[in-house]
Protein backbone atom coordinates (compact mmCIF):
# COMPACT_ATOMS: atom_id res chain seq x y z
CA MET A 1 -23.26 -3.74 -35.82
CA LEU A 2 -20.16 -2.06 -37.19
CA ARG A 3 -21.86 1.24 -36.45
CA TYR A 4 -22.20 0.34 -32.76
CA ALA A 5 -18.56 -0.75 -32.63
CA VAL A 6 -17.51 2.64 -34.00
CA ILE A 7 -19.77 4.44 -31.51
CA PHE A 8 -18.30 2.56 -28.54
CA PHE A 9 -14.80 3.20 -29.92
CA VAL A 10 -15.47 6.96 -30.04
CA ILE A 11 -16.88 6.82 -26.51
CA ALA A 12 -13.74 5.03 -25.37
CA ILE A 13 -11.50 7.67 -26.94
CA ILE A 14 -13.50 10.53 -25.42
CA ALA A 15 -13.52 8.87 -21.99
CA ALA A 16 -9.75 8.26 -22.22
CA ILE A 17 -9.14 11.95 -23.04
CA PHE A 18 -11.11 13.06 -20.00
CA GLY A 19 -9.41 10.54 -17.74
CA PHE A 20 -12.16 7.99 -17.14
CA GLY A 21 -9.98 4.89 -17.43
CA GLY A 22 -12.54 2.32 -16.35
CA LEU A 23 -15.23 3.65 -18.65
CA ALA A 24 -12.77 3.86 -21.53
CA ALA A 25 -11.62 0.27 -21.02
CA GLY A 26 -15.21 -0.98 -20.85
CA ALA A 27 -16.26 0.86 -23.97
CA ALA A 28 -13.15 -0.29 -25.82
CA SER A 29 -13.78 -3.92 -24.94
CA ILE A 30 -17.38 -3.68 -26.06
CA ALA A 31 -16.26 -2.09 -29.33
CA GLN A 32 -13.71 -4.86 -29.83
CA ILE A 33 -16.27 -7.63 -29.22
CA LEU A 34 -18.81 -6.03 -31.58
CA PHE A 35 -16.16 -5.60 -34.27
CA PHE A 36 -15.13 -9.26 -34.11
CA ILE A 37 -18.78 -10.35 -34.25
CA PHE A 38 -19.18 -8.13 -37.32
CA LEU A 39 -16.15 -9.71 -38.96
CA VAL A 40 -17.43 -13.24 -38.31
CA LEU A 41 -20.87 -12.41 -39.71
CA ALA A 42 -19.36 -10.71 -42.75
CA VAL A 43 -17.18 -13.74 -43.52
CA LEU A 44 -20.11 -16.12 -43.06
CA SER A 45 -22.22 -13.97 -45.38
CA LEU A 46 -19.46 -13.93 -47.97
CA ILE A 47 -19.01 -17.70 -47.83
CA SER A 48 -22.75 -18.38 -48.03
CA GLY A 49 -23.02 -15.98 -51.02
CA ILE A 50 -20.28 -17.90 -52.82
CA PHE A 51 -21.97 -21.28 -52.26
CA ARG A 52 -25.39 -20.07 -53.34
CA ARG A 53 -24.18 -19.35 -56.88
């Protein structure tokens, strides 16, 4: 999932360079959402790993 967030972030940067503001904003928001989902899942995995021991 972090991989997809990075891909959408790169798409947003490239779109912003070429002047596609709407596409850049959409890709950046998707990247942000995926990154926060990744963080939540990583924290949950860390917490569940601690309690399993």
